Amino acid sequence: MTNPIIHPINRLKICAALNAAGAYEGEVRYEMRFGTLRDATQLSDATLSKQLTALEEAGYITRFREYGSTRQKDTVWVTLTREGRAAFLAHMDALEALARGEAGVEKQ
């Protein structure tokens, strides 16, 4: 079954970009800069921020701000949580099963 939190295309793009970049919790935690994620997903700052909030509320990502000398020099870092990565990988498996016709759909 697909994941309704990850399923919207912008959230799927975010999770895919973080996963592909290795920006997830594991034995070592890696992060991705907000600007790099924005560029990878081709989303506006506002859209990316809104979608990150939804993923963060679900516990799928974490983000933190590294403060610079001015607000413009701040850096926001984003990471897929263990739960978020597991949900993303399960969602991808469900999509692949759907594409193969193996998701409980009877063949006619």
PDB file of N, CA and C in Angstrom:
ATOM      1  N   MET A   1       0.844  -1.176   0.000  1.00  0.00           N
ATOM      2  CA  MET A   1       0.000   0.000   0.000  1.00  0.00           C
ATOM      3  C   MET A   1       0.892   1.244   0.000  1.00  0.00           C
ATOM      4  N   THR A   2       0.521   2.205  -0.820  1.00  0.00           N
ATOM      5  CA  THR A   2       1.306   3.435  -0.893  1.00  0.00           C
ATOM      6  C   THR A   2       1.098   4.269   0.358  1.00  0.00           C
ATOM      7  N   ASN A   3       2.045   5.161   0.608  1.00  0.00           N
ATOM      8  CA  ASN A   3       2.029   5.998   1.803  1.00  0.00           C
ATOM      9  C   ASN A   3       1.385   7.346   1.460  1.00  0.00           C
ATOM     10  N   PRO A   4       0.251   7.698   2.088  1.00  0.00           N
ATOM     11  CA  PRO A   4      -0.427   8.945   1.746  1.00  0.00           C
ATOM     12  C   PRO A   4       0.354  10.202   2.107  1.00  0.00           C
ATOM     13  N   ILE A   5       1.300  10.101   3.021  1.00  0.00           N
ATOM     14  CA  ILE A   5       2.107  11.273   3.374  1.00  0.00           C
ATOM     15  C   ILE A   5       3.170  11.521   2.318  1.00  0.00           C
ATOM     16  N   ILE A   6       3.780  10.465   1.832  1.00  0.00           N
ATOM     17  CA  ILE A   6       4.860  10.589   0.843  1.00  0.00           C
ATOM     18  C   ILE A   6       4.324  10.679  -0.582  1.00  0.00           C
ATOM     19  N   HIS A   7       3.129  10.171  -0.833  1.00  0.00           N
ATOM     20  CA  HIS A   7       2.611  10.039  -2.193  1.00  0.00           C
ATOM     21  C   HIS A   7       2.527  11.330  -3.008  1.00  0.00           C
ATOM     22  N   PRO A   8       2.142  12.488  -2.430  1.00  0.00           N
ATOM     23  CA  PRO A   8       2.116  13.698  -3.268  1.00  0.00           C
ATOM     24  C   PRO A   8       3.485  13.919  -3.931  1.00  0.00           C
ATOM     25  N   ILE A   9       3.462  14.251  -5.201  1.00  0.00           N
ATOM     26  CA  ILE A   9       4.685  14.261  -6.017  1.00  0.00           C
ATOM     27  C   ILE A   9       5.801  15.113  -5.421  1.00  0.00           C
ATOM     28  N   ASN A  10       5.482  16.265  -4.850  1.00  0.00           N
ATOM     29  CA  ASN A  10       6.551  17.102  -4.301  1.00  0.00           C
ATOM     30  C   ASN A  10       7.219  16.447  -3.099  1.00  0.00           C
ATOM     31  N   ARG A  11       6.446  15.767  -2.267  1.00  0.00           N
ATOM     32  CA  ARG A  11       7.028  15.071  -1.120  1.00  0.00           C
ATOM     33  C   ARG A  11       7.829  13.861  -1.564  1.00  0.00           C
ATOM     34  N   LEU A  12       7.343  13.189  -2.593  1.00  0.00           N
ATOM     35  CA  LEU A  12       8.083  12.054  -3.152  1.00  0.00           C
ATOM     36  C   LEU A  12       9.425  12.527  -3.709  1.00  0.00           C
ATOM     37  N   LYS A  13       9.427  13.657  -4.407  1.00  0.00           N
ATOM     38  CA  LYS A  13      10.670  14.218  -4.945  1.00  0.00           C
ATOM     39  C   LYS A  13      11.647  14.576  -3.828  1.00  0.00           C
ATOM     40  N   ILE A  14      11.131  15.129  -2.739  1.00  0.00           N
ATOM     41  CA  ILE A  14      11.981  15.499  -1.604  1.00  0.00           C
ATOM     42  C   ILE A  14      12.621  14.258  -1.000  1.00  0.00           C
ATOM     43  N   CYS A  15      11.804  13.251  -0.711  1.00  0.00           N
ATOM     44  CA  CYS A  15      12.335  12.014  -0.117  1.00  0.00           C
ATOM     45  C   CYS A  15      13.321  11.331  -1.052  1.00  0.00           C
ATOM     46  N   ALA A  16      13.009  11.315  -2.337  1.00  0.00           N
ATOM     47  CA  ALA A  16      13.901  10.687  -3.315  1.00  0.00           C
ATOM     48  C   ALA A  16      15.241  11.421  -3.382  1.00  0.00           C
ATOM     49  N   ALA A  17      15.202  12.737  -3.366  1.00  0.00           N
ATOM     50  CA  ALA A  17      16.441  13.522  -3.432  1.00  0.00           C
ATOM     51  C   ALA A  17      17.290  13.312  -2.186  1.00  0.00           C
ATOM     52  N   LEU A  18      16.655  13.326  -1.020  1.00  0.00           N
ATOM     53  CA  LEU A  18      17.397  13.103   0.229  1.00  0.00           C
ATOM     54  C   LEU A  18      17.997  11.703   0.257  1.00  0.00           C
ATOM     55  N   ASN A  19      17.215  10.712  -0.143  1.00  0.00           N
ATOM     56  CA  ASN A  19      17.698   9.338  -0.147  1.00  0.00           C
ATOM     57  C   ASN A  19      18.854   9.171  -1.129  1.00  0.00           C
ATOM     58  N   ALA A  20      18.704   9.699  -2.328  1.00  0.00           N
ATOM     59  CA  ALA A  20      19.748   9.566  -3.352  1.00  0.00           C
ATOM     60  C   ALA A  20      21.044  10.242  -2.926  1.00  0.00           C
ATOM     61  N   ALA A  21      20.934  11.336  -2.174  1.00  0.00           N
ATOM     62  CA  ALA A  21      22.125  12.058  -1.719  1.00  0.00           C
ATOM     63  C   ALA A  21      22.734  11.449  -0.456  1.00  0.00           C
ATOM     64  N   GLY A  22      22.050  10.448   0.108  1.00  0.00           N
ATOM     65  CA  GLY A  22      22.552   9.837   1.341  1.00  0.00           C
ATOM     66  C   GLY A  22      22.279  10.689   2.562  1.00  0.00           C
ATOM     67  N   ALA A  23      21.325  11.614   2.459  1.00  0.00           N
ATOM     68  CA  ALA A  23      21.001  12.514   3.567  1.00  0.00           C
ATOM     69  C   ALA A  23      19.939  11.877   4.456  1.00  0.00           C
ATOM     70  N   TYR A  24      20.358  10.861   5.192  1.00  0.00           N
ATOM     71  CA  TYR A  24      19.444  10.167   6.089  1.00  0.00           C
ATOM     72  C   TYR A  24      20.197   9.668   7.310  1.00  0.00           C
ATOM     73  N   GLU A  25      19.408   9.390   8.353  1.00  0.00           N
ATOM     74  CA  GLU A  25      19.996   8.886   9.591  1.00  0.00           C
ATOM     75  C   GLU A  25      20.414   7.435   9.388  1.00  0.00           C
ATOM     76  N   GLY A  26      21.584   7.132   9.846  1.00  0.00           N
ATOM     77  CA  GLY A  26      22.107   5.779   9.821  1.00  0.00           C
ATOM     78  C   GLY A  26      23.127   5.708  10.932  1.00  0.00           C
ATOM     79  N   GLU A  27      24.157   4.921  10.721  1.00  0.00           N
ATOM     80  CA  GLU A  27      25.226   4.920  11.721  1.00  0.00           C
ATOM     81  C   GLU A  27      25.854   6.301  11.807  1.00  0.00           C
ATOM     82  N   VAL A  28      25.907   6.963  10.683  1.00  0.00           N
ATOM     83  CA  VAL A  28      26.357   8.353  10.620  1.00  0.00           C
ATOM     84  C   VAL A  28      25.203   9.147  10.024  1.00  0.00           C
ATOM     85  N   ARG A  29      24.992  10.336  10.531  1.00  0.00           N
ATOM     86  CA  ARG A  29      23.900  11.176  10.047  1.00  0.00           C
ATOM     87  C   ARG A  29      24.447  12.135   8.997  1.00  0.00           C
ATOM     88  N   TYR A  30      23.793  12.175   7.863  1.00  0.00           N
ATOM     89  CA  TYR A  30      24.162  13.113   6.812  1.00  0.00           C
ATOM     90  C   TYR A  30      22.984  14.030   6.542  1.00  0.00           C
ATOM     91  N   GLU A  31      23.281  15.250   6.159  1.00  0.00           N
ATOM     92  CA  GLU A  31      22.253  16.243   5.878  1.00  0.00           C
ATOM     93  C   GLU A  31      22.429  16.795   4.475  1.00  0.00           C
ATOM     94  N   MET A  32      21.387  17.466   4.009  1.00  0.00           N
ATOM     95  CA  MET A  32      21.433  18.164   2.729  1.00  0.00           C
ATOM     96  C   MET A  32      21.024  19.604   2.988  1.00  0.00           C
ATOM     97  N   ARG A  33      21.722  20.534   2.379  1.00  0.00           N
ATOM     98  CA  ARG A  33      21.364  21.946   2.499  1.00  0.00           C
ATOM     99  C   ARG A  33      20.014  22.198   1.836  1.00  0.00           C
ATOM    100  N   PHE A  34      19.247  23.099   2.439  1.00  0.00           N
ATOM    101  CA  PHE A  34      17.941  23.474   1.900  1.00  0.00           C
ATOM    102  C   PHE A  34      18.071  23.908   0.435  1.00  0.00           C
ATOM    103  N   GLY A  35      19.051  24.764   0.148  1.00  0.00           N
ATOM    104  CA  GLY A  35      19.225  25.264  -1.219  1.00  0.00           C
ATOM    105  C   GLY A  35      19.547  24.162  -2.210  1.00  0.00           C
ATOM    106  N   THR A  36      20.345  23.201  -1.794  1.00  0.00           N
ATOM    107  CA  THR A  36      20.673  22.067  -2.664  1.00  0.00           C
ATOM    108  C   THR A  36      19.438  21.215  -2.912  1.00  0.00           C
ATOM    109  N   LEU A  37      18.656  21.000  -1.859  1.00  0.00           N
ATOM    110  CA  LEU A  37      17.411  20.239  -1.985  1.00  0.00           C
ATOM    111  C   LEU A  37      16.418  20.974  -2.878  1.00  0.00           C
ATOM    112  N   ARG A  38      16.331  22.285  -2.710  1.00  0.00           N
ATOM    113  CA  ARG A  38      15.449  23.108  -3.556  1.00  0.00           C
ATOM    114  C   ARG A  38      15.828  22.952  -5.022  1.00  0.00           C
ATOM    115  N   ASP A  39      17.125  23.030  -5.303  1.00  0.00           N
ATOM    116  CA  ASP A  39      17.579  22.908  -6.682  1.00  0.00           C
ATOM    117  C   ASP A  39      17.334  21.507  -7.231  1.00  0.00           C
ATOM    118  N   ALA A  40      17.558  20.487  -6.409  1.00  0.00           N
ATOM    119  CA  ALA A  40      17.382  19.097  -6.850  1.00  0.00           C
ATOM    120  C   ALA A  40      15.915  18.784  -7.155  1.00  0.00           C
ATOM    121  N   THR A  41      15.009  19.388  -6.388  1.00  0.00           N
ATOM    122  CA  THR A  41      13.580  19.112  -6.575  1.00  0.00           C
ATOM    123  C   THR A  41      12.895  20.112  -7.495  1.00  0.00           C
ATOM    124  N   GLN A  42      13.577  21.193  -7.817  1.00  0.00           N
ATOM    125  CA  GLN A  42      13.043  22.269  -8.654  1.00  0.00           C
ATOM    126  C   GLN A  42      11.757  22.858  -8.070  1.00  0.00           C
ATOM    127  N   LEU A  43      11.750  23.016  -6.740  1.00  0.00           N
ATOM    128  CA  LEU A  43      10.617  23.623  -6.049  1.00  0.00           C
ATOM    129  C   LEU A  43      11.006  25.019  -5.582  1.00  0.00           C
ATOM    130  N   SER A  44      10.010  25.868  -5.415  1.00  0.00           N
ATOM    131  CA  SER A  44      10.280  27.197  -4.858  1.00  0.00           C
ATOM    132  C   SER A  44      10.592  27.047  -3.369  1.00  0.00           C
ATOM    133  N   ASP A  45      11.209  28.061  -2.787  1.00  0.00           N
ATOM    134  CA  ASP A  45      11.485  28.046  -1.353  1.00  0.00           C
ATOM    135  C   ASP A  45      10.207  27.812  -0.550  1.00  0.00           C
ATOM    136  N   ALA A  46       9.140  28.524  -0.911  1.00  0.00           N
ATOM    137  CA  ALA A  46       7.883  28.431  -0.164  1.00  0.00           C
ATOM    138  C   ALA A  46       7.270  27.038  -0.279  1.00  0.00           C
ATOM    139  N   THR A  47       7.254  26.485  -1.471  1.00  0.00           N
ATOM    140  CA  THR A  47       6.684  25.150  -1.669  1.00  0.00           C
ATOM    141  C   THR A  47       7.501  24.100  -0.941  1.00  0.00           C
ATOM    142  N   LEU A  48       8.818  24.196  -1.045  1.00  0.00           N
ATOM    143  CA  LEU A  48       9.682  23.242  -0.360  1.00  0.00           C
ATOM    144  C   LEU A  48       9.473  23.324   1.139  1.00  0.00           C
ATOM    145  N   SER A  49       9.430  24.513   1.679  1.00  0.00           N
ATOM    146  CA  SER A  49       9.243  24.691   3.107  1.00  0.00           C
ATOM    147  C   SER A  49       7.918  24.099   3.581  1.00  0.00           C
ATOM    148  N   LYS A  50       6.860  24.321   2.818  1.00  0.00           N
ATOM    149  CA  LYS A  50       5.541  23.793   3.174  1.00  0.00           C
ATOM    150  C   LYS A  50       5.551  22.267   3.176  1.00  0.00           C
ATOM    151  N   GLN A  51       6.163  21.670   2.170  1.00  0.00           N
ATOM    152  CA  GLN A  51       6.201  20.211   2.091  1.00  0.00           C
ATOM    153  C   GLN A  51       7.109  19.614   3.171  1.00  0.00           C
ATOM    154  N   LEU A  52       8.185  20.321   3.496  1.00  0.00           N
ATOM    155  CA  LEU A  52       9.051  19.856   4.583  1.00  0.00           C
ATOM    156  C   LEU A  52       8.302  19.873   5.912  1.00  0.00           C
ATOM    157  N   THR A  53       7.459  20.863   6.107  1.00  0.00           N
ATOM    158  CA  THR A  53       6.670  20.925   7.338  1.00  0.00           C
ATOM    159  C   THR A  53       5.773  19.700   7.462  1.00  0.00           C
ATOM    160  N   ALA A  54       5.113  19.317   6.376  1.00  0.00           N
ATOM    161  CA  ALA A  54       4.246  18.131   6.398  1.00  0.00           C
ATOM    162  C   ALA A  54       5.053  16.872   6.705  1.00  0.00           C
ATOM    163  N   LEU A  55       6.221  16.736   6.086  1.00  0.00           N
ATOM    164  CA  LEU A  55       7.068  15.570   6.336  1.00  0.00           C
ATOM    165  C   LEU A  55       7.627  15.576   7.756  1.00  0.00           C
ATOM    166  N   GLU A  56       7.944  16.762   8.252  1.00  0.00           N
ATOM    167  CA  GLU A  56       8.477  16.887   9.608  1.00  0.00           C
ATOM    168  C   GLU A  56       7.403  16.538  10.648  1.00  0.00           C
ATOM    169  N   GLU A  57       6.178  16.988  10.424  1.00  0.00           N
ATOM    170  CA  GLU A  57       5.075  16.673  11.340  1.00  0.00           C
ATOM    171  C   GLU A  57       4.811  15.172  11.401  1.00  0.00           C
ATOM    172  N   ALA A  58       5.076  14.469  10.300  1.00  0.00           N
ATOM    173  CA  ALA A  58       4.904  13.012  10.258  1.00  0.00           C
ATOM    174  C   ALA A  58       6.098  12.281  10.872  1.00  0.00           C
ATOM    175  N   GLY A  59       7.160  13.028  11.177  1.00  0.00           N
ATOM    176  CA  GLY A  59       8.362  12.408  11.735  1.00  0.00           C
ATOM    177  C   GLY A  59       9.283  11.818  10.689  1.00  0.00           C
ATOM    178  N   TYR A  60       9.085  12.208   9.425  1.00  0.00           N
ATOM    179  CA  TYR A  60       9.861  11.632   8.323  1.00  0.00           C
ATOM    180  C   TYR A  60      11.143  12.390   8.020  1.00  0.00           C
ATOM    181  N   ILE A  61      11.218  13.645   8.408  1.00  0.00           N
ATOM    182  CA  ILE A  61      12.438  14.420   8.212  1.00  0.00           C
ATOM    183  C   ILE A  61      12.719  15.244   9.461  1.00  0.00           C
ATOM    184  N   THR A  62      13.955  15.657   9.594  1.00  0.00           N
ATOM    185  CA  THR A  62      14.306  16.658  10.586  1.00  0.00           C
ATOM    186  C   THR A  62      15.033  17.766   9.843  1.00  0.00           C
ATOM    187  N   ARG A  63      14.954  18.942  10.382  1.00  0.00           N
ATOM    188  CA  ARG A  63      15.723  20.052   9.822  1.00  0.00           C
ATOM    189  C   ARG A  63      16.191  20.922  10.969  1.00  0.00           C
ATOM    190  N   PHE A  64      17.321  21.529  10.741  1.00  0.00           N
ATOM    191  CA  PHE A  64      17.823  22.458  11.748  1.00  0.00           C
ATOM    192  C   PHE A  64      18.530  23.609  11.050  1.00  0.00           C
ATOM    193  N   ARG A  65      18.532  24.725  11.729  1.00  0.00           N
ATOM    194  CA  ARG A  65      19.116  25.950  11.184  1.00  0.00           C
ATOM    195  C   ARG A  65      20.472  26.190  11.823  1.00  0.00           C
ATOM    196  N   GLU A  66      21.451  26.392  10.964  1.00  0.00           N
ATOM    197  CA  GLU A  66      22.784  26.796  11.411  1.00  0.00           C
ATOM    198  C   GLU A  66      22.851  28.305  11.212  1.00  0.00           C
ATOM    199  N   TYR A  67      22.975  29.023  12.301  1.00  0.00           N
ATOM    200  CA  TYR A  67      22.900  30.487  12.237  1.00  0.00           C
ATOM    201  C   TYR A  67      24.205  31.095  11.759  1.00  0.00           C
ATOM    202  N   GLY A  68      24.068  32.003  10.792  1.00  0.00           N
ATOM    203  CA  GLY A  68      25.201  32.769  10.302  1.00  0.00           C
ATOM    204  C   GLY A  68      25.187  34.151  10.937  1.00  0.00           C
ATOM    205  N   SER A  69      26.026  35.010  10.427  1.00  0.00           N
ATOM    206  CA  SER A  69      26.104  36.360  10.992  1.00  0.00           C
ATOM    207  C   SER A  69      24.874  37.199  10.647  1.00  0.00           C
ATOM    208  N   THR A  70      24.146  36.823   9.577  1.00  0.00           N
ATOM    209  CA  THR A  70      22.890  37.471   9.215  1.00  0.00           C
ATOM    210  C   THR A  70      21.909  36.370   8.807  1.00  0.00           C
ATOM    211  N   ARG A  71      20.651  36.705   8.739  1.00  0.00           N
ATOM    212  CA  ARG A  71      19.621  35.725   8.358  1.00  0.00           C
ATOM    213  C   ARG A  71      19.915  35.136   6.977  1.00  0.00           C
ATOM    214  N   GLN A  72      20.413  35.951   6.066  1.00  0.00           N
ATOM    215  CA  GLN A  72      20.724  35.482   4.720  1.00  0.00           C
ATOM    216  C   GLN A  72      21.863  34.469   4.716  1.00  0.00           C
ATOM    217  N   LYS A  73      22.681  34.485   5.744  1.00  0.00           N
ATOM    218  CA  LYS A  73      23.812  33.561   5.824  1.00  0.00           C
ATOM    219  C   LYS A  73      23.491  32.307   6.632  1.00  0.00           C
ATOM    220  N   ASP A  74      22.255  32.212   7.139  1.00  0.00           N
ATOM    221  CA  ASP A  74      21.834  30.997   7.833  1.00  0.00           C
ATOM    222  C   ASP A  74      21.799  29.835   6.836  1.00  0.00           C
ATOM    223  N   THR A  75      22.034  28.642   7.324  1.00  0.00           N
ATOM    224  CA  THR A  75      21.938  27.439   6.503  1.00  0.00           C
ATOM    225  C   THR A  75      20.953  26.498   7.177  1.00  0.00           C
ATOM    226  N   VAL A  76      19.972  26.022   6.416  1.00  0.00           N
ATOM    227  CA  VAL A  76      19.027  25.031   6.917  1.00  0.00           C
ATOM    228  C   VAL A  76      19.444  23.682   6.362  1.00  0.00           C
ATOM    229  N   TRP A  77      19.547  22.699   7.249  1.00  0.00           N
ATOM    230  CA  TRP A  77      19.951  21.339   6.891  1.00  0.00           C
ATOM    231  C   TRP A  77      18.756  20.406   7.046  1.00  0.00           C
ATOM    232  N   VAL A  78      18.608  19.464   6.111  1.00  0.00           N
ATOM    233  CA  VAL A  78      17.460  18.552   6.103  1.00  0.00           C
ATOM    234  C   VAL A  78      17.972  17.117   6.054  1.00  0.00           C
ATOM    235  N   THR A  79      17.330  16.241   6.825  1.00  0.00           N
ATOM    236  CA  THR A  79      17.703  14.829   6.897  1.00  0.00           C
ATOM    237  C   THR A  79      16.451  13.963   6.930  1.00  0.00           C
ATOM    238  N   LEU A  80      16.474  12.848   6.212  1.00  0.00           N
ATOM    239  CA  LEU A  80      15.426  11.838   6.358  1.00  0.00           C
ATOM    240  C   LEU A  80      15.676  11.095   7.667  1.00  0.00           C
ATOM    241  N   THR A  81      14.644  10.917   8.479  1.00  0.00           N
ATOM    242  CA  THR A  81      14.793  10.129   9.695  1.00  0.00           C
ATOM    243  C   THR A  81      14.808   8.640   9.316  1.00  0.00           C
ATOM    244  N   ARG A  82      15.154   7.805  10.271  1.00  0.00           N
ATOM    245  CA  ARG A  82      15.094   6.357  10.025  1.00  0.00           C
ATOM    246  C   ARG A  82      13.682   5.951   9.620  1.00  0.00           C
ATOM    247  N   GLU A  83      12.695   6.470  10.346  1.00  0.00           N
ATOM    248  CA  GLU A  83      11.297   6.170  10.031  1.00  0.00           C
ATOM    249  C   GLU A  83      10.930   6.687   8.637  1.00  0.00           C
ATOM    250  N   GLY A  84      11.390   7.884   8.317  1.00  0.00           N
ATOM    251  CA  GLY A  84      11.099   8.466   7.012  1.00  0.00           C
ATOM    252  C   GLY A  84      11.710   7.682   5.870  1.00  0.00           C
ATOM    253  N   ARG A  85      12.939   7.230   6.057  1.00  0.00           N
ATOM    254  CA  ARG A  85      13.589   6.442   5.003  1.00  0.00           C
ATOM    255  C   ARG A  85      12.892   5.102   4.829  1.00  0.00           C
ATOM    256  N   ALA A  86      12.534   4.468   5.935  1.00  0.00           N
ATOM    257  CA  ALA A  86      11.812   3.193   5.856  1.00  0.00           C
ATOM    258  C   ALA A  86      10.471   3.385   5.143  1.00  0.00           C
ATOM    259  N   ALA A  87       9.765   4.464   5.465  1.00  0.00           N
ATOM    260  CA  ALA A  87       8.481   4.749   4.809  1.00  0.00           C
ATOM    261  C   ALA A  87       8.682   5.022   3.322  1.00  0.00           C
ATOM    262  N   PHE A  88       9.731   5.766   2.985  1.00  0.00           N
ATOM    263  CA  PHE A  88      10.015   6.055   1.579  1.00  0.00           C
ATOM    264  C   PHE A  88      10.327   4.772   0.806  1.00  0.00           C
ATOM    265  N   LEU A  89      11.178   3.921   1.359  1.00  0.00           N
ATOM    266  CA  LEU A  89      11.539   2.678   0.673  1.00  0.00           C
ATOM    267  C   LEU A  89      10.331   1.754   0.527  1.00  0.00           C
ATOM    268  N   ALA A  90       9.478   1.692   1.547  1.00  0.00           N
ATOM    269  CA  ALA A  90       8.259   0.882   1.463  1.00  0.00           C
ATOM    270  C   ALA A  90       7.310   1.453   0.415  1.00  0.00           C
ATOM    271  N   HIS A  91       7.239   2.778   0.339  1.00  0.00           N
ATOM    272  CA  HIS A  91       6.391   3.428  -0.660  1.00  0.00           C
ATOM    273  C   HIS A  91       6.891   3.105  -2.065  1.00  0.00           C
ATOM    274  N   MET A  92       8.188   3.152  -2.258  1.00  0.00           N
ATOM    275  CA  MET A  92       8.753   2.826  -3.567  1.00  0.00           C
ATOM    276  C   MET A  92       8.477   1.368  -3.941  1.00  0.00           C
ATOM    277  N   ASP A  93       8.578   0.470  -2.965  1.00  0.00           N
ATOM    278  CA  ASP A  93       8.246  -0.941  -3.213  1.00  0.00           C
ATOM    279  C   ASP A  93       6.785  -1.084  -3.629  1.00  0.00           C
ATOM    280  N   ALA A  94       5.894  -0.344  -2.954  1.00  0.00           N
ATOM    281  CA  ALA A  94       4.467  -0.398  -3.284  1.00  0.00           C
ATOM    282  C   ALA A  94       4.216   0.138  -4.691  1.00  0.00           C
ATOM    283  N   LEU A  95       4.904   1.212  -5.076  1.00  0.00           N
ATOM    284  CA  LEU A  95       4.747   1.756  -6.429  1.00  0.00           C
ATOM    285  C   LEU A  95       5.251   0.772  -7.479  1.00  0.00           C
ATOM    286  N   GLU A  96       6.370   0.128  -7.186  1.00  0.00           N
ATOM    287  CA  GLU A  96       6.896  -0.878  -8.120  1.00  0.00           C
ATOM    288  C   GLU A  96       5.931  -2.048  -8.255  1.00  0.00           C
ATOM    289  N   ALA A  97       5.335  -2.476  -7.156  1.00  0.00           N
ATOM    290  CA  ALA A  97       4.361  -3.566  -7.206  1.00  0.00           C
ATOM    291  C   ALA A  97       3.147  -3.154  -8.038  1.00  0.00           C
ATOM    292  N   LEU A  98       2.700  -1.908  -7.870  1.00  0.00           N
ATOM    293  CA  LEU A  98       1.589  -1.414  -8.683  1.00  0.00           C
ATOM    294  C   LEU A  98       1.949  -1.435 -10.171  1.00  0.00           C
ATOM    295  N   ALA A  99       3.155  -1.006 -10.481  1.00  0.00           N
ATOM    296  CA  ALA A  99       3.587  -0.954 -11.874  1.00  0.00           C
ATOM    297  C   ALA A  99       3.677  -2.352 -12.488  1.00  0.00           C
ATOM    298  N   ARG A 100       3.995  -3.350 -11.666  1.00  0.00           N
ATOM    299  CA  ARG A 100       4.079  -4.732 -12.147  1.00  0.00           C
ATOM    300  C   ARG A 100       2.725  -5.432 -12.116  1.00  0.00           C
ATOM    301  N   GLY A 101       1.728  -4.768 -11.576  1.00  0.00           N
ATOM    302  CA  GLY A 101       0.404  -5.365 -11.481  1.00  0.00           C
ATOM    303  C   GLY A 101       0.303  -6.376 -10.358  1.00  0.00           C
ATOM    304  N   GLU A 102       1.150  -6.217  -9.332  1.00  0.00           N
ATOM    305  CA  GLU A 102       1.188  -7.180  -8.227  1.00  0.00           C
ATOM    306  C   GLU A 102       0.573  -6.636  -6.950  1.00  0.00           C
ATOM    307  N   ALA A 103      -0.175  -5.584  -7.024  1.00  0.00           N
ATOM    308  CA  ALA A 103      -0.667  -4.932  -5.796  1.00  0.00           C
ATOM    309  C   ALA A 103      -2.103  -5.317  -5.482  1.00  0.00           C
ATOM    310  N   GLY A 104      -2.413  -6.549  -5.623  1.00  0.00           N
ATOM    311  CA  GLY A 104      -3.756  -7.002  -5.279  1.00  0.00           C
ATOM    312  C   GLY A 104      -4.801  -6.707  -6.338  1.00  0.00           C
ATOM    313  N   VAL A 105      -4.365  -6.257  -7.502  1.00  0.00           N
ATOM    314  CA  VAL A 105      -5.288  -5.984  -8.596  1.00  0.00           C
ATOM    315  C   VAL A 105      -5.456  -7.270  -9.385  1.00  0.00           C
ATOM    316  N   GLU A 106      -6.712  -7.688  -9.532  1.00  0.00           N
ATOM    317  CA  GLU A 106      -6.963  -8.914 -10.276  1.00  0.00           C
ATOM    318  C   GLU A 106      -6.781  -8.660 -11.747  1.00  0.00           C
ATOM    319  N   LYS A 107      -6.102  -9.582 -12.406  1.00  0.00           N
ATOM    320  CA  LYS A 107      -5.903  -9.462 -13.853  1.00  0.00           C
ATOM    321  C   LYS A 107      -7.152  -9.976 -14.548  1.00  0.00           C
ATOM    322  N   GLN A 108      -7.505  -9.331 -15.613  1.00  0.00           N
ATOM    323  CA  GLN A 108      -8.703  -9.720 -16.336  1.00  0.00           C
ATOM    324  C   GLN A 108      -8.359 -10.398 -17.625  1.00  0.00           C
TER     325      GLN A 108
END
